[in-house]
C-alpha cells in the first residue's frame, strides 16, 4: 500500500477521536514547549552575562587578596590584608602589558544630605578606574590625580544615591554631603548603568579618591582590590604573568609559597559563569524532557487501546490482502503523526513563551534554532519508539482470530 494512503488512513483514525488524540499529545506539547523555553532562557542569560562583562571591558584584570594560611581554607576576600600602594607602584613599573591600573578601597555606610540619608557603598579609586570599568560622568567633572595625592574630600554620585539624597530633583553639583561623618563635595554625577546580571544596583555608589577613603573613612593602608586593564584583550595572559611575577616579588614570597593574592581576567569569569549557566540550562532542560517521556508513554498506551478497538478492522484488512508491514506502517504513522502534531503545537507555545517572558519577567531570552530542530527530531523518535511495539502487535494478529474478536 502506498505511504500516502497510509497517511490518509492515519489522519481519518485521528479525526474520529479528536479529543483522545489531543489528550495524548498533551505530554508532548508540554515537553517540547518546556524544552524550548528553558533553552531560550539559558541562551539568553549566557548572552546577557557576556554582554554585561564585555561592557566592563574584555581586557579587565581584577587582583584580590587571598589567604595562604597553612592548614586552613584558602579563600579570597576583602577581609584579608595583602594589597598596598607598593603593589600598585610595582605593577605600574614592571608590568608593561598593563595600560591602566587603579586600587579600590571601599566601605559601606550612611550618606547624608540635610534631612535625607541613604545607606550605600563608597569606593575609593583613582581616575583610571572610571575608564577601566567603563563609567562615564554625565554632569560635572572627574577628580584629578592631584585630588588623589591631596586626599581631597570630593566625590562622584551614582543615580540611585542622587535620587535618594536629592529627591526634589535639584542638582547635586557643588553640594556637600556627608559619609560616615566626613563632609564631601559632589563634583560629578555618573551615567546610569542599571542593575547587573547578579541583581546588583550599579548606580548605588559613591566614588571618591582612594587616599580620602583610606585616611578619613577606613584608617588603613590596605586595598580591597586592584583593578587593571591590559593594553589589548590578546595581551591579558601576558599581563597576568607580569602581575604574578611583580606581586610575588613585592610580597617577598619564596618559591615554595603560594600566592597571597588572586588574579582574575574577564575571560576566566565569562568561562566560569557560562559553564554555570550551561549546567543550569541542561538541568532544567532534562527536567522538562521528562514530559516528553510521559508523552511517549501516553502514545504507547493509546496505541494499545486503538489496536484493541480496531482488531476486527485489522482482521478485515488482512483478509482482503493487506500485508503485516502495511498494518505495521499504518499504526506507526499514526503514532508519529500524534507525536509530530504535538511537537508543532509545543514549538509554537515554546516560542510564544520565549517572546512573552522578557516582557513579563524582564528575563533575557534567545530562541535557538537548534532547540526547535532537536524538538522535532525528538518528537519523531518518540513517535517511532513508543509506537513501534503496539504497531508490531497489530501487524502480528491472526486474521481469522481478529475477525472473530468481539
Protein backbone atom coordinates (compact mmCIF):
# COMPACT_ATOMS: atom_id res chain seq x y z
CA UNK A 1 0.00 0.00 0.00
CA UNK A 2 1.27 3.50 -0.82
CA UNK A 3 2.55 5.65 2.00
CA UNK A 4 0.12 8.45 1.07
CA UNK A 5 -2.83 6.10 1.58
CA UNK A 6 -1.46 5.02 4.96
CA UNK A 7 -1.11 8.68 5.97
CA UNK A 8 -4.72 9.36 4.94
CA UNK A 9 -5.91 6.33 6.94
CA UNK A 10 -3.99 7.54 9.98
CA UNK A 11 -5.49 11.03 9.66
CA UNK A 12 -9.03 9.61 9.45
CA UNK A 13 -8.40 7.45 12.53
CA UNK A 14 -7.22 10.52 14.49
CA UNK A 15 -10.16 12.62 13.31
CA UNK A 16 -12.58 10.00 14.66
CA UNK A 17 -11.13 10.50 18.15
CA UNK A 18 -10.09 14.17 18.22
CA UNK A 19 -10.29 14.66 21.99
CA UNK A 20 -8.43 11.46 22.76
CA UNK A 21 -5.71 12.37 20.26
CA UNK A 22 -5.38 15.87 21.78
CA UNK A 23 -5.09 14.49 25.31
CA UNK A 24 -2.47 12.02 24.07
CA UNK A 25 -0.47 14.89 22.56
CA UNK A 26 -0.58 16.90 25.79
CA UNK A 27 2.57 15.37 27.27
CA UNK A 28 4.49 16.01 24.02
CA UNK A 29 3.14 19.58 23.81
CA UNK A 30 4.17 20.43 27.39
CA UNK A 31 7.56 18.72 26.99
CA UNK A 32 8.51 20.47 23.74
CA UNK A 33 7.27 23.87 24.94
CA UNK A 34 9.20 23.49 28.21
CA UNK A 35 12.43 22.42 26.48
CA UNK A 36 12.36 25.34 24.03
CA UNK A 37 11.51 27.82 26.80
CA UNK A 38 14.28 26.56 29.12
CA UNK A 39 16.89 26.57 26.34
CA UNK A 40 15.83 30.08 25.31
CA UNK A 41 16.18 31.35 28.88
CA UNK A 42 19.57 29.64 29.23
CA UNK A 43 20.92 31.04 25.96
CA UNK A 44 19.53 34.48 26.78
CA UNK A 45 21.20 34.50 30.20
CA UNK A 46 24.56 33.50 28.69
CA UNK A 47 24.45 36.24 26.07
CA UNK A 48 23.32 38.78 28.67
CA UNK A 49 26.19 37.83 31.01
CA UNK A 50 28.73 38.05 28.17
CA UNK A 51 27.37 41.44 27.08
CA UNK A 52 27.43 42.75 30.65
CA UNK A 53 31.01 41.60 31.26
CA UNK A 54 32.13 42.88 27.86
CA UNK A 55 30.67 46.29 28.72
CA UNK A 56 33.09 46.42 31.66
CA UNK A 57 35.99 45.81 29.31
CA UNK A 58 37.04 42.43 27.94
CA UNK A 59 40.68 43.15 28.92
CA UNK A 60 39.95 43.99 32.56
CA UNK A 61 42.01 42.24 35.24
CA UNK A 62 40.99 42.01 38.90
CA UNK A 63 43.51 41.40 41.69
CA UNK A 64 42.14 40.33 45.07
CA UNK A 65 43.73 39.48 48.43
CA UNK A 66 43.96 35.77 49.08
CA UNK A 67 44.56 33.61 52.14
CA UNK A 68 47.53 31.26 52.02
CA UNK A 69 47.39 30.25 55.67
CA UNK A 70 48.77 26.70 56.06
CA UNK A 71 46.24 24.08 57.13
CA UNK A 72 43.24 26.39 56.62
CA UNK A 73 40.70 27.16 53.94
CA UNK A 74 42.20 29.19 51.11
CA UNK A 75 39.71 31.92 50.33
CA UNK A 76 39.68 35.23 48.52
CA UNK A 77 38.07 38.15 50.31
CA UNK A 78 38.29 41.76 51.31
CA UNK A 79 38.95 40.79 54.95
CA UNK A 80 42.48 39.68 54.04
CA UNK A 81 45.10 42.44 54.03
CA UNK A 82 47.78 41.83 51.45
CA UNK A 83 47.44 44.59 48.83
CA UNK A 84 49.05 48.01 49.32
CA UNK A 85 50.20 51.00 47.28
CA UNK A 86 53.59 49.26 46.84
CA UNK A 87 51.82 46.67 44.70
CA UNK A 88 50.23 49.36 42.53
CA UNK A 89 53.59 51.08 42.05
CA UNK A 90 55.29 47.76 41.23
CA UNK A 91 52.68 46.95 38.58
CA UNK A 92 52.98 50.40 37.03
CA UNK A 93 56.73 49.89 36.79
CA UNK A 94 57.16 46.18 35.97
CA UNK A 95 54.02 45.22 34.02
CA UNK A 96 54.34 46.76 30.52
CA UNK A 97 51.26 44.90 29.25
CA UNK A 98 49.06 46.82 31.73
CA UNK A 99 47.70 50.09 30.36
CA UNK A 100 45.61 51.32 33.28
CA UNK A 101 45.57 50.49 36.97
CA UNK A 102 43.52 51.60 39.96
CA UNK A 103 43.37 50.43 43.58
CA UNK A 104 40.00 50.10 45.30
CA UNK A 105 39.27 50.78 48.96
CA UNK A 106 35.56 50.51 49.76
CA UNK A 107 33.28 50.91 52.74
CA UNK A 108 29.55 50.76 53.45
CA UNK A 109 27.71 53.36 55.48
CA UNK A 110 25.13 56.16 55.60
CA UNK A 111 25.29 59.05 53.17
CA UNK A 112 23.55 62.19 54.39
CA UNK A 113 22.28 65.37 52.78
CA UNK A 114 20.35 67.54 55.20
CA UNK A 115 17.31 65.53 56.35
CA UNK A 116 17.83 62.88 53.67
CA UNK A 117 20.02 59.84 54.19
CA UNK A 118 20.72 56.68 52.24
CA UNK A 119 22.75 53.51 53.04
CA UNK A 120 25.24 52.96 50.25
CA UNK A 121 28.81 51.96 49.34
CA UNK A 122 31.69 54.37 48.83
CA UNK A 123 34.56 53.32 46.58
CA UNK A 124 37.97 54.90 46.83
CA UNK A 125 39.79 54.77 43.47
CA UNK A 126 41.93 56.83 41.13
CA UNK A 127 40.80 58.41 37.79
CA UNK A 128 41.86 55.31 35.78
CA UNK A 129 39.10 53.30 37.50
CA UNK A 130 36.35 55.01 35.50
CA UNK A 131 37.95 54.06 32.19
CA UNK A 132 38.69 50.51 33.34
CA UNK A 133 35.07 49.96 34.44
CA UNK A 134 33.59 51.93 31.52
CA UNK A 135 31.99 54.52 33.83
CA UNK A 136 31.10 57.91 32.35
CA UNK A 137 30.45 61.21 34.09
CA UNK A 138 27.12 62.66 32.95
CA UNK A 139 27.37 66.03 34.72
CA UNK A 140 30.37 67.68 36.30
CA UNK A 141 33.99 66.53 36.24
CA UNK A 142 36.18 63.65 37.40
CA UNK A 143 38.55 64.20 40.31
CA UNK A 144 42.20 64.50 39.29
CA UNK A 145 45.47 62.81 40.28
CA UNK A 146 46.20 65.95 42.30
CA UNK A 147 42.95 65.33 44.25
CA UNK A 148 44.17 61.81 44.94
CA UNK A 149 47.57 62.99 46.18
CA UNK A 150 45.93 65.60 48.39
CA UNK A 151 43.21 63.28 49.75
CA UNK A 152 40.61 65.77 48.57
CA UNK A 153 37.12 65.45 50.04
CA UNK A 154 35.35 65.30 46.66
CA UNK A 155 33.12 62.61 45.16
CA UNK A 156 31.02 61.37 42.23
CA UNK A 157 27.49 60.07 42.79
CA UNK A 158 25.55 57.27 41.12
CA UNK A 159 21.94 57.92 40.06
CA UNK A 160 20.40 55.91 42.92
CA UNK A 161 22.28 57.97 45.51
CA UNK A 162 21.31 61.20 43.76
CA UNK A 163 17.60 60.20 43.68
CA UNK A 164 17.60 59.45 47.42
CA UNK A 165 19.72 62.34 48.69
CA UNK A 166 18.23 64.92 46.32
CA UNK A 167 14.62 63.72 45.94
CA UNK A 168 13.28 67.12 44.77
CA UNK A 169 15.31 66.99 41.58
CA UNK A 170 17.82 69.70 42.43
CA UNK A 171 21.33 69.41 41.02
CA UNK A 172 23.81 67.85 43.47
CA UNK A 173 26.82 69.52 41.81
CA UNK A 174 28.71 71.69 44.27
CA UNK A 175 26.65 70.48 47.23
CA UNK A 176 28.31 68.95 50.29
CA UNK A 177 27.12 65.57 51.53
CA UNK A 178 28.41 63.56 54.48
CA UNK A 179 29.54 59.95 54.59
CA UNK A 180 30.45 58.47 57.96
CA UNK A 181 30.72 61.98 59.36
CA UNK A 182 33.13 63.09 56.61
CA UNK A 183 31.93 66.08 54.50
CA UNK A 184 32.47 65.57 50.76
CA UNK A 185 31.74 67.93 47.88
CA UNK A 186 29.88 66.49 44.89
CA UNK A 187 31.76 67.32 41.69
CA UNK A 188 30.11 64.86 39.28
CA UNK A 189 27.17 62.55 38.56
CA UNK A 190 27.65 59.22 36.76
CA UNK A 191 25.71 58.00 33.74
CA UNK A 192 23.20 55.34 34.95
CA UNK A 193 24.21 51.70 34.34
CA UNK A 194 21.16 49.96 35.81
CA UNK A 195 21.02 46.57 37.50
CA UNK A 196 23.72 43.99 36.81
CA UNK A 197 23.01 40.35 35.86
CA UNK A 198 23.60 39.46 39.51
CA UNK A 199 20.82 41.78 40.69
CA UNK A 200 23.18 44.47 41.98
CA UNK A 201 22.26 48.13 41.57
CA UNK A 202 25.33 49.54 39.80
CA UNK A 203 24.14 53.12 40.41
CA UNK A 204 24.01 52.78 44.20
CA UNK A 205 27.58 54.00 44.71
CA UNK A 206 29.74 56.97 45.67
CA UNK A 207 33.19 57.26 44.10
CA UNK A 208 35.99 59.25 45.70
CA UNK A 209 39.83 59.37 45.73
CA UNK A 210 41.21 56.23 47.36
CA UNK A 211 43.52 58.22 49.62
CA UNK A 212 40.49 60.03 51.06
CA UNK A 213 38.75 56.75 51.86
CA UNK A 214 41.86 55.12 53.28
CA UNK A 215 42.78 58.03 55.57
CA UNK A 216 39.44 59.56 56.54
CA UNK A 217 37.00 56.62 56.44
CA UNK A 218 38.87 53.31 56.86
CA UNK A 219 42.13 54.39 58.54
CA UNK A 220 44.06 51.67 56.68
CA UNK A 221 46.86 51.31 54.17
CA UNK A 222 45.34 48.22 52.54
CA UNK A 223 43.12 47.86 49.46
CA UNK A 224 40.11 45.61 48.92
CA UNK A 225 41.06 45.04 45.29
CA UNK A 226 43.21 46.34 42.46
CA UNK A 227 41.70 46.80 39.01
CA UNK A 228 43.83 46.86 35.89
CA UNK A 229 43.35 46.88 32.15
CA UNK A 230 45.62 45.08 29.67
CA UNK A 231 46.82 47.01 26.63
CA UNK A 232 44.73 44.67 24.45
CA UNK A 233 42.47 41.68 25.06
CA UNK A 234 45.05 39.36 23.49
CA UNK A 235 47.69 40.67 25.92
CA UNK A 236 45.66 39.67 29.01
CA UNK A 237 47.58 36.42 29.56
CA UNK A 238 50.95 38.19 29.39
CA UNK A 239 49.64 40.87 31.75
CA UNK A 240 48.54 38.22 34.25
CA UNK A 241 52.01 36.64 34.21
CA UNK A 242 53.60 40.04 34.83
CA UNK A 243 51.17 40.70 37.71
CA UNK A 244 52.02 37.37 39.35
CA UNK A 245 55.76 37.94 38.98
CA UNK A 246 55.69 41.54 40.25
CA UNK A 247 53.44 40.85 43.26
CA UNK A 248 55.37 37.76 44.36
CA UNK A 249 58.46 39.97 44.50
CA UNK A 250 56.79 42.81 46.45
CA UNK A 251 55.19 40.28 48.84
CA UNK A 252 58.54 38.52 49.27
CA UNK A 253 57.11 35.07 48.59
CA UNK A 254 59.52 32.15 48.33
CA UNK A 255 59.29 29.59 45.54
CA UNK A 256 57.57 27.06 47.80
CA UNK A 257 54.94 29.56 48.99
CA UNK A 258 51.52 30.02 47.44
CA UNK A 259 50.30 33.42 46.30
CA UNK A 260 48.59 35.58 48.91
CA UNK A 261 46.67 37.26 46.09
CA UNK A 262 44.41 36.10 43.28
CA UNK A 263 44.30 37.35 39.70
CA UNK A 264 41.14 37.08 37.57
CA UNK A 265 40.53 38.09 33.95
CA UNK A 266 37.20 38.78 32.27
CA UNK A 267 37.73 35.74 30.02
CA UNK A 268 38.03 33.47 33.07
CA UNK A 269 34.93 35.00 34.62
CA UNK A 270 32.96 34.60 31.38
CA UNK A 271 34.01 30.96 31.12
CA UNK A 272 33.05 30.24 34.72
CA UNK A 273 29.66 31.96 34.51
CA UNK A 274 28.85 30.41 31.12
CA UNK A 275 29.73 26.97 32.49
CA UNK A 276 27.40 27.50 35.45
CA UNK A 277 24.65 28.82 33.18
CA UNK A 278 25.04 25.87 30.79
CA UNK A 279 24.85 23.43 33.68
CA UNK A 280 21.65 25.00 34.99
CA UNK A 281 20.14 25.08 31.48
CA UNK A 282 20.98 21.40 30.98
CA UNK A 283 19.43 20.53 34.34
CA UNK A 284 16.22 22.47 33.63
CA UNK A 285 16.03 21.02 30.10
CA UNK A 286 16.45 17.49 31.48
CA UNK A 287 13.60 18.08 33.94
CA UNK A 288 11.42 19.49 31.15
CA UNK A 289 12.26 16.48 28.96
CA UNK A 290 10.54 14.19 31.46
CA UNK A 291 7.27 15.42 29.95
CA UNK A 292 8.39 14.03 26.58
CA UNK A 293 8.91 10.59 28.14
CA UNK A 294 5.49 10.81 29.79
CA UNK A 295 4.00 11.87 26.45
CA UNK A 296 5.68 8.90 24.75
CA UNK A 297 4.22 6.51 27.32
CA UNK A 298 0.82 8.10 26.67
CA UNK A 299 1.24 7.44 22.94
CA UNK A 300 2.12 3.79 23.57
CA UNK A 301 -0.87 3.41 25.88
CA UNK A 302 -3.37 4.95 23.45
CA UNK A 303 -1.99 2.94 20.53
CA UNK A 304 -2.54 -0.27 22.51
CA UNK A 305 -6.15 0.83 23.10
CA UNK A 306 -6.50 1.68 19.41
CA UNK A 307 -5.20 -1.75 18.34
CA UNK A 308 -7.64 -3.46 20.68
CA UNK A 309 -10.59 -1.35 19.48
CA UNK A 310 -9.78 -1.95 15.80
CA UNK A 311 -8.96 -5.65 15.95
CA UNK A 312 -11.84 -6.59 13.64
CA UNK A 313 -10.83 -3.82 11.21
CA UNK A 314 -7.28 -5.17 11.17
CA UNK A 315 -8.56 -8.69 10.53
CA UNK A 316 -10.79 -7.47 7.71
CA UNK A 317 -7.98 -5.57 6.01
CA UNK A 318 -5.62 -8.51 6.28
CA UNK A 319 -8.25 -10.88 4.89
CA UNK A 320 -8.56 -8.80 1.71
CA UNK A 321 -4.81 -8.69 1.09
CA UNK A 322 -3.19 -6.19 3.46
CA UNK A 323 0.26 -7.33 4.50
CA UNK A 324 1.64 -7.27 8.01
CA UNK A 325 4.03 -4.48 7.01
CA UNK A 326 1.05 -2.39 5.83
CA UNK A 327 -0.63 -2.75 9.21
CA UNK A 328 2.67 -2.00 10.96
CA UNK A 329 3.21 1.18 8.93
CA UNK A 330 -0.39 2.32 9.41
CA UNK A 331 -0.19 2.29 13.20
CA UNK A 332 3.40 3.55 13.25
CA UNK A 333 2.48 6.52 11.05
CA UNK A 334 -0.47 7.21 13.32
CA UNK A 335 1.82 7.31 16.38
CA UNK A 336 4.34 9.54 14.61
CA UNK A 337 1.58 11.93 13.48
CA UNK A 338 0.34 12.27 17.06
CA UNK A 339 3.89 12.98 18.23
CA UNK A 340 4.81 15.45 15.48
CA UNK A 341 1.49 17.31 15.68
CA UNK A 342 2.03 17.68 19.43
CA UNK A 343 5.57 18.82 18.67
CA UNK A 344 4.37 21.55 16.27
CA UNK A 345 1.92 22.88 18.87
CA UNK A 346 4.64 22.67 21.53
CA UNK A 347 7.09 24.62 19.35
CA UNK A 348 4.52 27.39 18.82
CA UNK A 349 3.81 27.57 22.56
CA UNK A 350 7.55 27.46 23.42
CA UNK A 351 8.39 30.31 21.01
CA UNK A 352 5.42 32.31 22.31
CA UNK A 353 6.60 31.81 25.91
CA UNK A 354 10.16 32.86 24.97
CA UNK A 355 8.75 36.08 23.46
CA UNK A 356 6.39 36.84 26.36
CA UNK A 357 8.83 36.13 29.25
CA UNK A 358 11.15 39.16 28.65
CA UNK A 359 8.13 41.48 28.68
CA UNK A 360 6.52 39.98 31.78
CA UNK A 361 9.51 38.93 33.92
CA UNK A 362 12.29 41.01 32.35
CA UNK A 363 14.38 37.85 31.79
CA UNK A 364 16.53 37.80 28.64
CA UNK A 365 15.69 35.01 26.18
CA UNK A 366 17.21 33.97 22.86
CA UNK A 367 15.27 31.50 20.70
CA UNK A 368 17.68 28.88 19.43
CA UNK A 369 17.03 27.30 16.03
CA UNK A 370 18.83 24.17 17.21
CA UNK A 371 16.30 23.71 20.04
CA UNK A 372 13.45 23.73 17.50
CA UNK A 373 15.19 21.23 15.19
CA UNK A 374 16.09 18.98 18.14
CA UNK A 375 12.50 19.11 19.39
CA UNK A 376 11.15 17.95 16.03
CA UNK A 377 13.70 15.13 15.86
CA UNK A 378 12.88 14.05 19.42
CA UNK A 379 9.16 14.06 18.58
CA UNK A 380 9.70 11.83 15.53
CA UNK A 381 11.93 9.45 17.50
CA UNK A 382 9.42 9.40 20.37
CA UNK A 383 6.58 8.51 18.00
CA UNK A 384 8.59 5.71 16.36
CA UNK A 385 10.00 4.36 19.63
CA UNK A 386 6.76 4.29 21.61
CA UNK A 387 4.52 3.48 18.65
CA UNK A 388 6.55 0.60 17.24
CA UNK A 389 5.60 -2.13 19.70
CA UNK A 390 1.81 -1.56 19.51
CA UNK A 391 2.11 -1.41 15.71
CA UNK A 392 4.14 -4.62 15.73
CA UNK A 393 1.46 -6.27 17.84
CA UNK A 394 -1.23 -5.17 15.35
CA UNK A 395 0.73 -6.48 12.36
CA UNK A 396 1.17 -9.86 14.07
CA UNK A 397 -2.55 -10.53 14.60
CA UNK A 398 -4.02 -13.65 13.05
CA UNK A 399 -6.69 -12.50 10.51
CA UNK A 400 -9.12 -15.27 11.45
CA UNK A 401 -8.81 -14.65 15.18
CA UNK A 402 -9.08 -10.90 14.58
CA UNK A 403 -12.34 -11.32 12.65
CA UNK A 404 -13.77 -13.40 15.49
CA UNK A 405 -12.84 -10.74 18.08
CA UNK A 406 -15.83 -9.13 19.79
